[in-house]
Amino acid sequence: MVRKILPLLLVMLAGLMLAGCGEYGKVEQGTVVAVIDKDKISIIVDTNTDVKKQANYTTDPEPHVYVLPAAGDDRGADPSAGLCVNLDVAKKTITMYNPNEKKFETFSFELIEDKNRGIRLNRRNEVIEHTRVIRPAADFPVVDEANKTVQLFYRRLEGNQSRVVTIKLAEADFAKYQKKDWGAGDEVRLYFKKPGQSERFMNITKTDITRR
């Protein structure tokens, strides 16, 4: 999600929090690493408290599990999960969350292609380059098992820049994760009073008010 609109989203959520509440709760932001069932998710928490900077999902590997509120005004779009928590194009590294060992793993890659101009989502949740549709966002990541390449649509980069990046991994690294895992999970925000029980849920990734 574009970080520059997070302060506005926080204000929006704060307004929801105050409506009908006799006491204050807490807000936590994270990236979804597992959809346990339709009403329960696991997230890695953003440890960067400065909303003007890029989210940091590579500090605390202990996942936080939340039960989502019932469908309605307090619940945003259903989230998608992924284990990619950071992509550094300059350093040519990708950081994945290993849920079995509860740790982060960083792999080097060969950069095959970097589309970084005019990349955005349209209202139909399609990834476009200027006006040309590349493919629906739900179709990412695109994995080529024969060539050990992964194409990702990635939005969490410094300068609020969206990219479609194709990377080539070492065979041993490529084999460590399944196809669906290479993508980045949705960024979400949860309001709660009791740990693990969300009273309001916002899917930041799928609530892009800057989208045209």
C-alpha atoms as a PDB file:
ATOM      1  CA  MET A   1       0.000   0.000   0.000  1.00  0.00           C
ATOM      2  CA  VAL A   2       1.240   3.486  -0.756  1.00  0.00           C
ATOM      3  CA  ARG A   3       2.670   4.706   2.539  1.00  0.00           C
ATOM      4  CA  LYS A   4       1.802   8.371   1.984  1.00  0.00           C
ATOM      5  CA  ILE A   5      -1.924   7.703   2.452  1.00  0.00           C
ATOM      6  CA  LEU A   6      -1.492   5.788   5.716  1.00  0.00           C
ATOM      7  CA  PRO A   7      -1.928   8.856   7.943  1.00  0.00           C
ATOM      8  CA  LEU A   8      -5.286   9.511   6.293  1.00  0.00           C
ATOM      9  CA  LEU A   9      -6.311   5.901   6.710  1.00  0.00           C
ATOM     10  CA  LEU A  10      -5.301   6.083  10.352  1.00  0.00           C
ATOM     11  CA  VAL A  11      -7.586   9.079  10.822  1.00  0.00           C
ATOM     12  CA  MET A  12     -10.396   7.168   9.147  1.00  0.00           C
ATOM     13  CA  LEU A  13      -9.856   4.202  11.432  1.00  0.00           C
ATOM     14  CA  ALA A  14      -9.619   6.419  14.483  1.00  0.00           C
ATOM     15  CA  GLY A  15     -13.034   7.811  13.657  1.00  0.00           C
ATOM     16  CA  LEU A  16     -14.430   4.301  13.514  1.00  0.00           C
ATOM     17  CA  MET A  17     -12.753   3.444  16.784  1.00  0.00           C
ATOM     18  CA  LEU A  18     -14.340   6.326  18.628  1.00  0.00           C
ATOM     19  CA  ALA A  19     -17.835   5.685  17.357  1.00  0.00           C
ATOM     20  CA  GLY A  20     -19.791   3.814  20.007  1.00  0.00           C
ATOM     21  CA  CYS A  21     -16.744   2.922  22.076  1.00  0.00           C
ATOM     22  CA  GLY A  22     -16.620   3.584  25.777  1.00  0.00           C
ATOM     23  CA  GLU A  23     -12.923   2.803  26.037  1.00  0.00           C
ATOM     24  CA  TYR A  24      -9.884   3.026  23.803  1.00  0.00           C
ATOM     25  CA  GLY A  25      -8.349   0.008  22.136  1.00  0.00           C
ATOM     26  CA  LYS A  26      -5.164  -0.510  20.155  1.00  0.00           C
ATOM     27  CA  VAL A  27      -4.308  -0.581  16.473  1.00  0.00           C
ATOM     28  CA  GLU A  28      -1.808  -2.947  14.879  1.00  0.00           C
ATOM     29  CA  GLN A  29      -0.598  -3.056  11.304  1.00  0.00           C
ATOM     30  CA  GLY A  30       0.914  -6.056   9.583  1.00  0.00           C
ATOM     31  CA  THR A  31       1.347  -8.139   6.474  1.00  0.00           C
ATOM     32  CA  VAL A  32      -0.750 -11.297   6.181  1.00  0.00           C
ATOM     33  CA  VAL A  33       1.357 -14.459   6.117  1.00  0.00           C
ATOM     34  CA  ALA A  34      -1.493 -16.951   6.588  1.00  0.00           C
ATOM     35  CA  VAL A  35      -5.245 -17.099   6.207  1.00  0.00           C
ATOM     36  CA  ILE A  36      -6.012 -19.764   8.794  1.00  0.00           C
ATOM     37  CA  ASP A  37      -9.693 -19.831   7.923  1.00  0.00           C
ATOM     38  CA  LYS A  38     -12.238 -17.325   6.637  1.00  0.00           C
ATOM     39  CA  ASP A  39     -12.351 -15.539   9.997  1.00  0.00           C
ATOM     40  CA  LYS A  40      -8.785 -15.899  11.282  1.00  0.00           C
ATOM     41  CA  ILE A  41      -5.455 -14.593   9.982  1.00  0.00           C
ATOM     42  CA  SER A  42      -1.805 -14.544  10.989  1.00  0.00           C
ATOM     43  CA  ILE A  43       0.280 -11.396  10.460  1.00  0.00           C
ATOM     44  CA  ILE A  44       3.852 -10.209  10.801  1.00  0.00           C
ATOM     45  CA  VAL A  45       3.714  -6.823  12.522  1.00  0.00           C
ATOM     46  CA  ASP A  46       5.136  -3.601  11.106  1.00  0.00           C
ATOM     47  CA  THR A  47       7.740  -2.420  13.633  1.00  0.00           C
ATOM     48  CA  ASN A  48       8.257   0.961  11.945  1.00  0.00           C
ATOM     49  CA  THR A  49       6.286   3.548  13.900  1.00  0.00           C
ATOM     50  CA  ASP A  50       6.990   6.335  11.369  1.00  0.00           C
ATOM     51  CA  VAL A  51       4.196   6.138   8.777  1.00  0.00           C
ATOM     52  CA  LYS A  52       6.176   8.392   6.449  1.00  0.00           C
ATOM     53  CA  LYS A  53       8.715   5.620   5.922  1.00  0.00           C
ATOM     54  CA  GLN A  54       8.569   2.184   4.377  1.00  0.00           C
ATOM     55  CA  ALA A  55       6.966  -0.552   6.469  1.00  0.00           C
ATOM     56  CA  ASN A  56       9.369  -2.881   8.285  1.00  0.00           C
ATOM     57  CA  TYR A  57       8.265  -6.503   8.385  1.00  0.00           C
ATOM     58  CA  THR A  58      11.690  -8.061   8.980  1.00  0.00           C
ATOM     59  CA  THR A  59      12.300  -7.361  12.676  1.00  0.00           C
ATOM     60  CA  ASP A  60       9.871  -9.488  14.699  1.00  0.00           C
ATOM     61  CA  PRO A  61       9.321 -13.024  13.325  1.00  0.00           C
ATOM     62  CA  GLU A  62       6.674 -13.937  15.911  1.00  0.00           C
ATOM     63  CA  PRO A  63       3.300 -13.949  14.119  1.00  0.00           C
ATOM     64  CA  HIS A  64       0.219 -12.359  15.675  1.00  0.00           C
ATOM     65  CA  VAL A  65      -3.037 -14.277  15.163  1.00  0.00           C
ATOM     66  CA  TYR A  66      -6.360 -12.430  14.981  1.00  0.00           C
ATOM     67  CA  VAL A  67      -9.974 -13.462  14.742  1.00  0.00           C
ATOM     68  CA  LEU A  68     -11.706 -11.078  12.329  1.00  0.00           C
ATOM     69  CA  PRO A  69     -15.026  -9.363  13.052  1.00  0.00           C
ATOM     70  CA  ALA A  70     -18.210 -10.608  11.433  1.00  0.00           C
ATOM     71  CA  ALA A  71     -18.979  -9.409   7.927  1.00  0.00           C
ATOM     72  CA  GLY A  72     -20.319  -5.867   7.816  1.00  0.00           C
ATOM     73  CA  ASP A  73     -19.145  -2.279   8.145  1.00  0.00           C
ATOM     74  CA  ASP A  74     -16.409  -3.265  10.612  1.00  0.00           C
ATOM     75  CA  ARG A  75     -14.739  -5.659   8.204  1.00  0.00           C
ATOM     76  CA  GLY A  76     -12.841  -4.790   5.064  1.00  0.00           C
ATOM     77  CA  ALA A  77     -12.044  -6.925   2.027  1.00  0.00           C
ATOM     78  CA  ASP A  78     -10.916 -10.496   2.620  1.00  0.00           C
ATOM     79  CA  PRO A  79      -7.101 -10.619   2.755  1.00  0.00           C
ATOM     80  CA  SER A  80      -4.638 -12.607   0.681  1.00  0.00           C
ATOM     81  CA  ALA A  81      -1.539 -14.167   2.233  1.00  0.00           C
ATOM     82  CA  GLY A  82       2.077 -14.352   1.083  1.00  0.00           C
ATOM     83  CA  LEU A  83       5.466 -14.982   2.668  1.00  0.00           C
ATOM     84  CA  CYS A  84       7.525 -12.289   0.912  1.00  0.00           C
ATOM     85  CA  VAL A  85       8.099  -9.607   3.557  1.00  0.00           C
ATOM     86  CA  ASN A  86      10.697  -7.513   1.749  1.00  0.00           C
ATOM     87  CA  LEU A  87      12.107  -7.042  -1.744  1.00  0.00           C
ATOM     88  CA  ASP A  88      15.256  -4.965  -2.185  1.00  0.00           C
ATOM     89  CA  VAL A  89      15.809  -4.356  -5.887  1.00  0.00           C
ATOM     90  CA  ALA A  90      18.989  -2.336  -5.335  1.00  0.00           C
ATOM     91  CA  LYS A  91      20.650  -5.042  -3.226  1.00  0.00           C
ATOM     92  CA  LYS A  92      19.022  -7.826  -5.256  1.00  0.00           C
ATOM     93  CA  THR A  93      17.694  -9.635  -2.208  1.00  0.00           C
ATOM     94  CA  ILE A  94      14.298 -11.027  -1.256  1.00  0.00           C
ATOM     95  CA  THR A  95      13.316 -11.744   2.352  1.00  0.00           C
ATOM     96  CA  MET A  96      10.822 -14.488   3.086  1.00  0.00           C
ATOM     97  CA  TYR A  97       9.083 -15.485   6.306  1.00  0.00           C
ATOM     98  CA  ASN A  98       9.571 -19.147   7.191  1.00  0.00           C
ATOM     99  CA  PRO A  99       6.437 -20.110   9.186  1.00  0.00           C
ATOM    100  CA  ASN A 100       7.735 -23.546  10.167  1.00  0.00           C
ATOM    101  CA  GLU A 101      10.835 -22.164  11.864  1.00  0.00           C
ATOM    102  CA  LYS A 102       9.399 -18.716  12.634  1.00  0.00           C
ATOM    103  CA  LYS A 103      12.343 -16.870  11.133  1.00  0.00           C
ATOM    104  CA  PHE A 104      13.225 -14.659   8.188  1.00  0.00           C
ATOM    105  CA  GLU A 105      15.339 -15.920   5.290  1.00  0.00           C
ATOM    106  CA  THR A 106      17.042 -13.622   2.808  1.00  0.00           C
ATOM    107  CA  PHE A 107      18.059 -14.836  -0.643  1.00  0.00           C
ATOM    108  CA  SER A 108      20.103 -13.180  -3.359  1.00  0.00           C
ATOM    109  CA  PHE A 109      18.674 -13.130  -6.862  1.00  0.00           C
ATOM    110  CA  GLU A 110      19.514 -12.256 -10.434  1.00  0.00           C
ATOM    111  CA  LEU A 111      17.344  -9.407 -11.688  1.00  0.00           C
ATOM    112  CA  ILE A 112      15.783 -10.445 -15.000  1.00  0.00           C
ATOM    113  CA  GLU A 113      13.335  -7.582 -15.537  1.00  0.00           C
ATOM    114  CA  ASP A 114      12.247  -4.505 -13.610  1.00  0.00           C
ATOM    115  CA  LYS A 115       9.161  -2.658 -14.836  1.00  0.00           C
ATOM    116  CA  ASN A 116       9.110   0.465 -12.680  1.00  0.00           C
ATOM    117  CA  ARG A 117       7.376   3.151 -14.727  1.00  0.00           C
ATOM    118  CA  GLY A 118       3.631   3.619 -14.856  1.00  0.00           C
ATOM    119  CA  ILE A 119       2.879   0.498 -12.818  1.00  0.00           C
ATOM    120  CA  ARG A 120      -0.350   0.638 -10.797  1.00  0.00           C
ATOM    121  CA  LEU A 121      -3.642  -1.105 -10.051  1.00  0.00           C
ATOM    122  CA  ASN A 122      -6.828  -0.128 -11.823  1.00  0.00           C
ATOM    123  CA  ARG A 123     -10.327  -0.356 -10.353  1.00  0.00           C
ATOM    124  CA  ARG A 124     -10.673  -3.949 -11.580  1.00  0.00           C
ATOM    125  CA  ASN A 125      -7.615  -4.986  -9.544  1.00  0.00           C
ATOM    126  CA  GLU A 126      -5.560  -5.452 -12.687  1.00  0.00           C
ATOM    127  CA  VAL A 127      -1.903  -4.509 -12.751  1.00  0.00           C
ATOM    128  CA  ILE A 128      -1.291  -2.092 -15.592  1.00  0.00           C
ATOM    129  CA  GLU A 129       1.762  -0.477 -17.157  1.00  0.00           C
ATOM    130  CA  HIS A 130       0.598   2.990 -18.163  1.00  0.00           C
ATOM    131  CA  THR A 131      -2.621   1.868 -19.909  1.00  0.00           C
ATOM    132  CA  ARG A 132      -1.668  -1.710 -20.869  1.00  0.00           C
ATOM    133  CA  VAL A 133      -2.998  -4.504 -18.671  1.00  0.00           C
ATOM    134  CA  ILE A 134      -0.232  -6.884 -17.609  1.00  0.00           C
ATOM    135  CA  ARG A 135      -2.459  -9.347 -15.720  1.00  0.00           C
ATOM    136  CA  PRO A 136      -4.901  -9.436 -12.777  1.00  0.00           C
ATOM    137  CA  ALA A 137      -3.224  -8.797  -9.430  1.00  0.00           C
ATOM    138  CA  ALA A 138      -4.577 -12.142  -8.183  1.00  0.00           C
ATOM    139  CA  ASP A 139      -2.450 -13.951 -10.783  1.00  0.00           C
ATOM    140  CA  PHE A 140       0.803 -12.858  -9.122  1.00  0.00           C
ATOM    141  CA  PRO A 141       3.297 -14.272  -8.333  1.00  0.00           C
ATOM    142  CA  VAL A 142       4.037 -15.904 -11.678  1.00  0.00           C
ATOM    143  CA  VAL A 143       6.449 -18.781 -11.206  1.00  0.00           C
ATOM    144  CA  ASP A 144       8.488 -20.477 -13.949  1.00  0.00           C
ATOM    145  CA  GLU A 145       9.718 -23.727 -12.442  1.00  0.00           C
ATOM    146  CA  ALA A 146      11.886 -24.643 -15.417  1.00  0.00           C
ATOM    147  CA  ASN A 147      13.872 -21.393 -15.301  1.00  0.00           C
ATOM    148  CA  LYS A 148      13.582 -20.837 -11.516  1.00  0.00           C
ATOM    149  CA  THR A 149      12.141 -17.366 -11.988  1.00  0.00           C
ATOM    150  CA  VAL A 150       9.448 -15.491 -10.084  1.00  0.00           C
ATOM    151  CA  GLN A 151       7.561 -12.438 -11.316  1.00  0.00           C
ATOM    152  CA  LEU A 152       6.149 -10.296  -8.517  1.00  0.00           C
ATOM    153  CA  PHE A 153       3.933  -7.247  -8.308  1.00  0.00           C
ATOM    154  CA  TYR A 154       5.491  -5.341  -5.419  1.00  0.00           C
ATOM    155  CA  ARG A 155       4.243  -2.100  -3.871  1.00  0.00           C
ATOM    156  CA  ARG A 156       6.328  -1.693  -0.709  1.00  0.00           C
ATOM    157  CA  LEU A 157       9.319   0.211  -2.015  1.00  0.00           C
ATOM    158  CA  GLU A 158      10.942   3.464  -0.962  1.00  0.00           C
ATOM    159  CA  GLY A 159       9.445   6.398  -2.824  1.00  0.00           C
ATOM    160  CA  ASN A 160       6.018   4.714  -2.953  1.00  0.00           C
ATOM    161  CA  GLN A 161       6.976   3.051  -6.219  1.00  0.00           C
ATOM    162  CA  SER A 162       5.112   0.040  -7.586  1.00  0.00           C
ATOM    163  CA  ARG A 163       7.022  -2.430  -9.727  1.00  0.00           C
ATOM    164  CA  VAL A 164       6.641  -5.662 -11.600  1.00  0.00           C
ATOM    165  CA  VAL A 165       9.904  -7.476 -11.008  1.00  0.00           C
ATOM    166  CA  THR A 166      11.127 -10.774 -12.439  1.00  0.00           C
ATOM    167  CA  ILE A 167      13.874 -12.465 -10.451  1.00  0.00           C
ATOM    168  CA  LYS A 168      15.889 -15.646 -10.897  1.00  0.00           C
ATOM    169  CA  LEU A 169      16.813 -17.646  -7.800  1.00  0.00           C
ATOM    170  CA  ALA A 170      19.352 -20.330  -7.078  1.00  0.00           C
ATOM    171  CA  GLU A 171      17.786 -23.772  -7.465  1.00  0.00           C
ATOM    172  CA  ALA A 172      18.122 -24.609  -3.761  1.00  0.00           C
ATOM    173  CA  ASP A 173      16.508 -21.317  -2.701  1.00  0.00           C
ATOM    174  CA  PHE A 174      13.721 -21.616  -5.276  1.00  0.00           C
ATOM    175  CA  ALA A 175      12.809 -25.066  -3.959  1.00  0.00           C
ATOM    176  CA  LYS A 176      12.275 -23.862  -0.381  1.00  0.00           C
ATOM    177  CA  TYR A 177       8.900 -22.214  -1.028  1.00  0.00           C
ATOM    178  CA  GLN A 178       5.765 -23.063  -2.925  1.00  0.00           C
ATOM    179  CA  LYS A 179       4.512 -20.963  -5.829  1.00  0.00           C
ATOM    180  CA  LYS A 180       1.848 -19.102  -3.850  1.00  0.00           C
ATOM    181  CA  ASP A 181       4.291 -18.211  -1.062  1.00  0.00           C
ATOM    182  CA  TRP A 182       6.581 -15.957  -3.112  1.00  0.00           C
ATOM    183  CA  GLY A 183       4.053 -13.117  -3.215  1.00  0.00           C
ATOM    184  CA  ALA A 184       3.624 -10.395  -0.585  1.00  0.00           C
ATOM    185  CA  GLY A 185       0.549 -10.692   1.630  1.00  0.00           C
ATOM    186  CA  ASP A 186      -1.952  -7.868   1.973  1.00  0.00           C
ATOM    187  CA  GLU A 187      -1.121  -5.097   4.414  1.00  0.00           C
ATOM    188  CA  VAL A 188      -3.872  -4.817   7.009  1.00  0.00           C
ATOM    189  CA  ARG A 189      -4.779  -2.795  10.080  1.00  0.00           C
ATOM    190  CA  LEU A 190      -6.696  -4.168  13.050  1.00  0.00           C
ATOM    191  CA  TYR A 191      -8.362  -2.437  15.976  1.00  0.00           C
ATOM    192  CA  PHE A 192      -8.711  -4.527  19.121  1.00  0.00           C
ATOM    193  CA  LYS A 193      -9.347  -4.335  22.852  1.00  0.00           C
ATOM    194  CA  LYS A 194      -8.591  -7.976  23.616  1.00  0.00           C
ATOM    195  CA  PRO A 195      -5.415  -9.489  22.113  1.00  0.00           C
ATOM    196  CA  GLY A 196      -6.222 -11.701  19.159  1.00  0.00           C
ATOM    197  CA  GLN A 197      -9.811 -10.484  18.790  1.00  0.00           C
ATOM    198  CA  SER A 198     -10.202  -7.798  16.149  1.00  0.00           C
ATOM    199  CA  GLU A 199     -13.225  -5.529  16.457  1.00  0.00           C
ATOM    200  CA  ARG A 200     -12.505  -3.614  13.258  1.00  0.00           C
ATOM    201  CA  PHE A 201     -10.462  -4.765  10.291  1.00  0.00           C
ATOM    202  CA  MET A 202      -9.118  -2.706   7.388  1.00  0.00           C
ATOM    203  CA  ASN A 203      -7.424  -4.232   4.350  1.00  0.00           C
ATOM    204  CA  ILE A 204      -5.051  -1.427   3.431  1.00  0.00           C
ATOM    205  CA  THR A 205      -3.872  -3.063   0.213  1.00  0.00           C
ATOM    206  CA  LYS A 206      -7.433  -3.320  -1.100  1.00  0.00           C
ATOM    207  CA  THR A 207      -8.504   0.129   0.138  1.00  0.00           C
ATOM    208  CA  ASP A 208      -6.353   2.318  -2.094  1.00  0.00           C
ATOM    209  CA  ILE A 209      -8.189   5.651  -2.163  1.00  0.00           C
ATOM    210  CA  THR A 210      -5.599   7.058  -4.580  1.00  0.00           C
ATOM    211  CA  ARG A 211      -6.482   4.509  -7.273  1.00  0.00           C
ATOM    212  CA  ARG A 212      -7.952   5.910 -10.460  1.00  0.00           C
END
